[in-house]
Protein backbone atom coordinates (compact mmCIF):
# COMPACT_ATOMS: atom_id res chain seq x y z
CA MET A 1 -11.48 -18.08 42.05
CA MET A 2 -10.37 -14.76 40.12
CA ASN A 3 -10.43 -11.73 42.25
CA LEU A 4 -12.08 -8.58 40.89
CA LYS A 5 -8.72 -6.73 40.43
CA SER A 6 -7.27 -9.42 38.30
CA LEU A 7 -10.93 -9.77 36.50
CA GLY A 8 -10.95 -5.75 35.85
CA SER A 9 -7.45 -5.80 34.28
CA ARG A 10 -8.44 -8.77 31.89
CA LEU A 11 -11.63 -6.87 30.80
CA ALA A 12 -9.50 -3.81 30.22
CA ALA A 13 -7.10 -5.78 27.95
CA ALA A 14 -9.96 -7.13 26.03
CA ALA A 15 -11.43 -4.10 25.56
CA ALA A 16 -8.09 -2.58 24.27
CA LEU A 17 -7.75 -5.38 21.92
CA THR A 18 -11.07 -4.72 20.32
CA VAL A 19 -10.62 -1.22 19.89
CA ALA A 20 -7.32 -2.05 18.25
CA LEU A 21 -8.75 -4.35 15.98
CA ALA A 22 -11.30 -1.98 14.78
CA LEU A 23 -8.82 0.86 14.16
CA PRO A 24 -7.61 1.06 10.44
CA SER A 25 -4.20 0.10 9.24
CA LEU A 26 -1.30 2.08 11.12
CA ALA A 27 -0.41 5.49 9.47
CA ASN A 28 2.81 6.99 9.54
CA ALA A 29 2.91 10.12 12.04
CA ALA A 30 2.88 12.40 9.03
CA GLU A 31 -0.34 10.82 7.42
CA LEU A 32 -3.76 11.76 8.27
CA TYR A 33 -6.53 8.95 8.07
CA SER A 34 -9.16 9.74 5.76
CA GLY A 35 -11.71 7.09 5.62
CA SER A 36 -12.10 3.58 4.45
CA ASN A 37 -14.11 1.64 1.49
CA SER A 38 -15.10 -1.51 0.19
CA ASP A 39 -15.77 -2.00 -3.38
CA VAL A 40 -16.13 -4.01 -6.66
CA ARG A 41 -13.71 -2.99 -9.68
CA THR A 42 -12.76 -3.63 -13.23
CA ILE A 43 -9.55 -2.36 -14.24
CA LEU A 44 -8.48 -1.69 -17.91
CA TYR A 45 -4.89 -1.02 -19.13
CA TYR A 46 -4.05 0.52 -22.52
CA LYS A 47 -1.10 1.87 -24.48
CA ALA A 48 -2.14 5.15 -25.70
CA SER A 49 -0.72 8.20 -27.50
CA THR A 50 2.55 9.41 -25.45
CA VAL A 51 2.07 12.76 -27.08
CA GLU A 52 -1.62 13.06 -25.84
CA LEU A 53 -0.72 11.72 -22.50
CA SER A 54 2.20 14.13 -22.27
CA LYS A 55 -0.27 17.00 -22.35
CA PHE A 56 -1.64 16.12 -18.95
CA LEU A 57 1.56 16.16 -17.20
CA PRO A 58 2.28 19.25 -14.73
CA ALA A 59 5.95 20.33 -14.88
CA GLY A 60 8.36 18.57 -13.04
CA TRP A 61 6.61 15.20 -14.01
CA GLU A 62 7.23 12.46 -16.55
CA LEU A 63 5.48 9.32 -18.01
CA SER A 64 6.69 6.23 -16.62
CA PRO A 65 4.60 3.39 -18.21
CA PHE A 66 4.08 0.16 -16.03
CA THR A 67 6.96 -2.38 -15.99
CA THR A 68 5.38 -5.57 -14.33
CA ALA A 69 2.68 -7.97 -15.10
CA PRO A 70 -0.23 -7.87 -15.78
CA SER A 71 -0.10 -4.20 -17.01
CA ALA A 72 3.48 -4.12 -18.22
CA GLY A 73 3.85 -1.82 -21.28
CA ALA A 74 0.63 0.05 -20.28
CA ASN A 75 0.68 3.95 -20.19
CA LEU A 76 -3.12 4.43 -19.23
CA GLN A 77 -5.21 2.95 -16.47
CA ILE A 78 -9.15 3.04 -16.49
CA GLU A 79 -11.01 2.05 -13.21
CA PHE A 80 -14.71 1.44 -12.97
CA VAL A 81 -15.70 1.38 -9.58
CA ASP A 82 -18.84 0.19 -7.72
CA GLN A 83 -18.37 1.36 -4.20
CA LEU A 84 -20.36 -0.89 -1.99
CA TYR A 85 -19.56 0.78 1.54
CA ALA A 86 -17.60 3.92 2.62
CA VAL A 87 -17.05 5.77 6.11
CA ASP A 88 -15.28 8.84 6.87
CA PRO A 89 -12.79 9.43 9.67
CA LYS A 90 -15.48 9.62 12.36
CA GLY A 91 -16.70 6.24 11.52
CA THR A 92 -20.02 7.89 9.74
CA VAL A 93 -21.23 5.75 6.79
CA GLY A 94 -21.88 7.47 3.65
CA ALA A 95 -23.78 6.78 0.58
CA PRO A 96 -22.01 4.78 -1.81
CA TYR A 97 -21.69 5.63 -5.32
CA ARG A 98 -20.13 4.67 -8.89
CA TYR A 99 -17.33 6.19 -10.87
CA VAL A 100 -14.64 5.81 -13.42
CA LEU A 101 -11.30 7.36 -13.17
CA PHE A 102 -8.50 7.95 -15.97
CA GLY A 103 -4.88 7.58 -14.51
CA ILE A 104 -1.30 7.65 -15.85
CA PRO A 105 1.59 6.12 -14.31
CA VAL A 106 4.14 8.78 -13.49
CA HIS A 107 7.15 9.76 -11.60
CA LYS A 108 8.55 13.25 -10.69
CA THR A 109 11.82 14.17 -12.43
CA GLY A 110 14.84 12.71 -10.62
CA SER A 111 12.73 10.51 -8.52
CA SER A 112 12.48 6.63 -8.43
CA GLU A 113 9.09 6.63 -6.95
CA ASN A 114 6.36 5.44 -9.66
CA VAL A 115 3.05 6.68 -8.88
CA LEU A 116 -0.20 7.01 -10.48
CA MET A 117 -1.71 10.48 -11.60
CA LEU A 118 -5.47 10.99 -11.98
CA PHE A 119 -6.56 13.23 -14.82
CA ASP A 120 -10.03 12.82 -15.50
CA GLY A 121 -13.02 11.00 -14.21
CA LEU A 122 -17.18 10.78 -14.29
CA SER A 123 -19.05 10.72 -10.99
CA ARG A 124 -22.44 11.56 -9.18
CA GLY A 125 -20.12 12.85 -6.67
CA GLY A 126 -18.57 15.63 -8.86
CA ALA A 127 -15.07 16.62 -8.75
CA GLY A 128 -14.06 14.34 -5.85
CA PRO A 129 -10.90 14.71 -3.65
CA TYR A 130 -8.64 15.39 -6.42
CA GLY A 131 -10.94 17.44 -8.19
CA ILE A 132 -10.73 16.02 -11.75
CA ALA A 133 -13.95 14.25 -12.14
CA GLU A 134 -16.72 15.71 -13.97
CA THR A 135 -20.10 15.51 -12.43
CA ALA A 136 -22.23 12.70 -14.32
CA ASN A 137 -25.32 10.21 -14.60
CA ASP A 138 -24.41 6.70 -14.34
CA GLU A 139 -26.10 3.24 -15.16
CA ILE A 140 -24.60 0.18 -14.33
CA ASN A 141 -25.42 -3.34 -14.31
CA ARG A 142 -23.29 -6.23 -13.17
CA GLY A 143 -24.38 -9.97 -13.20
CA VAL A 144 -22.77 -13.28 -12.46
CA HIS A 145 -24.08 -16.47 -14.05
CA TYR A 146 -23.13 -20.03 -12.25
CA SER A 147 -23.77 -23.32 -13.91
CA SER A 148 -22.02 -26.60 -14.57
CA GLY A 149 -19.68 -24.71 -17.16
CA PRO A 150 -17.40 -21.77 -16.19
CA THR A 151 -18.64 -19.03 -13.96
CA THR A 152 -19.36 -16.03 -16.46
CA VAL A 153 -19.38 -12.15 -15.45
CA SER A 154 -21.15 -9.49 -17.52
CA GLU A 155 -21.02 -5.80 -16.79
CA THR A 156 -22.29 -2.86 -18.54
CA TRP A 157 -21.22 0.78 -17.22
CA ASN A 158 -22.55 3.98 -18.70
CA PHE A 159 -21.40 7.60 -17.42
CA GLU A 160 -22.24 10.84 -19.05
CA GLY A 161 -21.62 14.53 -18.10
CA GLY A 162 -19.62 17.30 -18.34
CA GLY A 163 -19.31 16.92 -22.29
CA GLU A 164 -17.99 13.39 -21.55
CA LYS A 165 -19.43 9.85 -22.02
CA VAL A 166 -17.93 6.72 -21.34
CA SER A 167 -19.28 3.12 -21.88
CA LEU A 168 -18.12 -0.20 -21.13
CA GLN A 169 -19.69 -3.40 -22.05
CA THR A 170 -17.72 -6.61 -21.28
CA GLU A 171 -18.35 -10.30 -20.47
CA PHE A 172 -15.31 -12.87 -19.09
CA GLU A 173 -15.02 -16.13 -17.44
CA ARG A 174 -14.19 -15.98 -13.64
CA GLY A 175 -10.59 -17.15 -13.52
CA PRO A 176 -8.46 -18.21 -10.34
CA VAL A 177 -8.42 -15.04 -7.71
CA THR A 178 -5.27 -14.05 -6.02
CA LEU A 179 -5.37 -12.44 -2.60
CA GLU A 180 -3.05 -9.18 -2.64
CA LYS A 181 -2.19 -6.78 -0.05
CA GLY A 182 -0.42 -3.55 -0.82
CA ASP A 183 -0.34 0.16 -0.96
CA SER A 184 -0.33 2.76 -3.75
CA HIS A 185 0.50 6.55 -3.86
CA VAL A 186 -1.83 8.58 -5.90
CA TYR A 187 -1.71 12.12 -7.27
CA SER A 188 -4.02 14.87 -8.76
CA GLN A 189 -3.19 16.36 -12.23
CA LEU A 190 -4.89 19.61 -11.58
CA LYS A 191 -3.52 19.95 -7.89
CA PRO A 192 -0.16 18.03 -7.96
CA GLU A 193 0.77 19.09 -4.60
CA PHE A 194 -2.30 16.72 -3.37
CA SER A 195 -1.89 13.23 -3.02
CA ARG A 196 -3.51 10.20 -1.25
CA ILE A 197 -1.99 6.92 0.16
CA TYR A 198 -4.17 3.45 -0.02
CA ARG A 199 -3.44 0.74 1.90
CA TYR A 200 -5.71 -2.17 0.42
CA ASN A 201 -6.56 -5.84 0.47
CA GLU A 202 -8.09 -7.19 -2.89
CA ALA A 203 -8.97 -10.37 -4.50
CA ALA A 204 -7.68 -10.13 -8.03
CA ASP A 205 -8.55 -12.10 -11.13
CA VAL A 206 -6.31 -11.46 -14.11
CA VAL A 207 -8.82 -11.69 -17.04
CA LYS A 208 -6.51 -10.68 -19.75
CA SER A 209 -2.57 -10.41 -19.74
CA GLY A 210 -0.38 -11.97 -22.38
CA ASP A 211 -1.11 -15.48 -22.98
CA ALA A 212 -3.80 -15.56 -20.40
CA ASN A 213 -6.98 -14.45 -21.43
CA HIS A 214 -10.55 -15.47 -20.37
CA LEU A 215 -12.03 -12.36 -21.82
CA ARG A 216 -15.06 -13.18 -24.03
CA SER A 217 -15.78 -9.77 -25.09
CA LEU A 218 -15.24 -6.01 -24.35
CA SER A 219 -16.17 -2.81 -25.92
CA LEU A 220 -14.89 0.43 -24.61
CA LYS A 221 -16.13 4.11 -25.62
CA ALA A 222 -14.86 7.25 -24.24
CA GLU A 223 -15.49 10.59 -25.86
CA GLY A 224 -15.75 14.27 -25.41
CA GLY A 225 -13.35 16.67 -23.34
CA LYS A 226 -10.16 15.18 -22.47
CA LEU A 227 -10.84 11.85 -23.77
CA THR A 228 -11.47 12.05 -27.69
CA ALA A 229 -7.91 12.57 -28.49
CA LEU A 230 -6.73 9.54 -26.33
CA PHE A 231 -9.30 7.25 -27.88
CA ASP A 232 -8.85 7.71 -31.77
CA GLY A 233 -8.42 3.98 -32.38
CA SER A 234 -4.61 3.77 -32.09
CA GLU A 235 -4.83 2.80 -28.48
CA SER A 236 -4.28 -0.78 -27.80
CA LEU A 237 -5.90 -2.89 -24.61
CA VAL A 238 -3.18 -4.26 -22.61
CA SER A 239 -4.80 -6.17 -19.78
CA VAL A 240 -7.88 -6.34 -17.83
CA VAL A 241 -8.05 -7.09 -14.13
CA SER A 242 -11.41 -7.75 -12.20
CA LEU A 243 -11.35 -7.06 -8.42
CA PRO A 244 -14.52 -8.61 -7.05
CA VAL A 245 -13.31 -7.91 -3.71
CA TYR A 246 -11.46 -4.72 -2.79
CA SER A 247 -10.98 -2.85 0.42
CA ARG A 248 -8.85 0.00 1.58
CA ASP A 249 -7.82 2.58 4.21
CA ILE A 250 -6.99 6.16 2.79
CA PHE A 251 -4.36 8.17 4.23
CA VAL A 252 -3.20 11.86 3.19
CA PRO A 253 0.31 12.94 3.62
CA GLN A 254 0.76 15.86 5.94
CA PRO A 255 3.14 18.64 5.15
């Protein structure tokens, strides 16, 4: 028969394991855990005017177009986000919301670290942690159709506020999904001293890239404010990636 001391030790070990499993991804000692969220995302990669994009660069930063598939050659990333679940550092669940973000791949002059820099966005949540988003209204419709034929996904995203308007209508066949795990480092164009690190798990469907293409239709309109000069008809779509599952832990580097 197990004695009480042995039983107590095992219960303590089990409790410690439960707590460990509930904790977010381990952070560096110089990082502050800032919350977690789970989303559905649709990401568009474009090749746009380097002249116009360069206008958003703070001093000491340079454009650094993506070099690997599926976004190789693109210098502009547009991310449509339907946030399903979010918690703050204390574990308090917040109200989810939708937003669109515009970012450019960059690096600091003299550095080999390629990162993403956000320069614009629209969201009910306003400026957000990066201080770059316009307060906007949103209207989102997403649907999945299953049949004996290919599964099809249809999406309509509309955002308007702060003198800017963004809309996306797209339909595509659901392709093979790849499970991926990684991290990304994202900076703010308005306050480049601020950044966040995301450690994520995702299921990625490359809808369009090179010869791979199960995109049925796509129409993007972006106008007003910072967007009009970028979307003048000279931009070209490089790839489309659907993330039906995306979850991450957020960390802020500390001085």
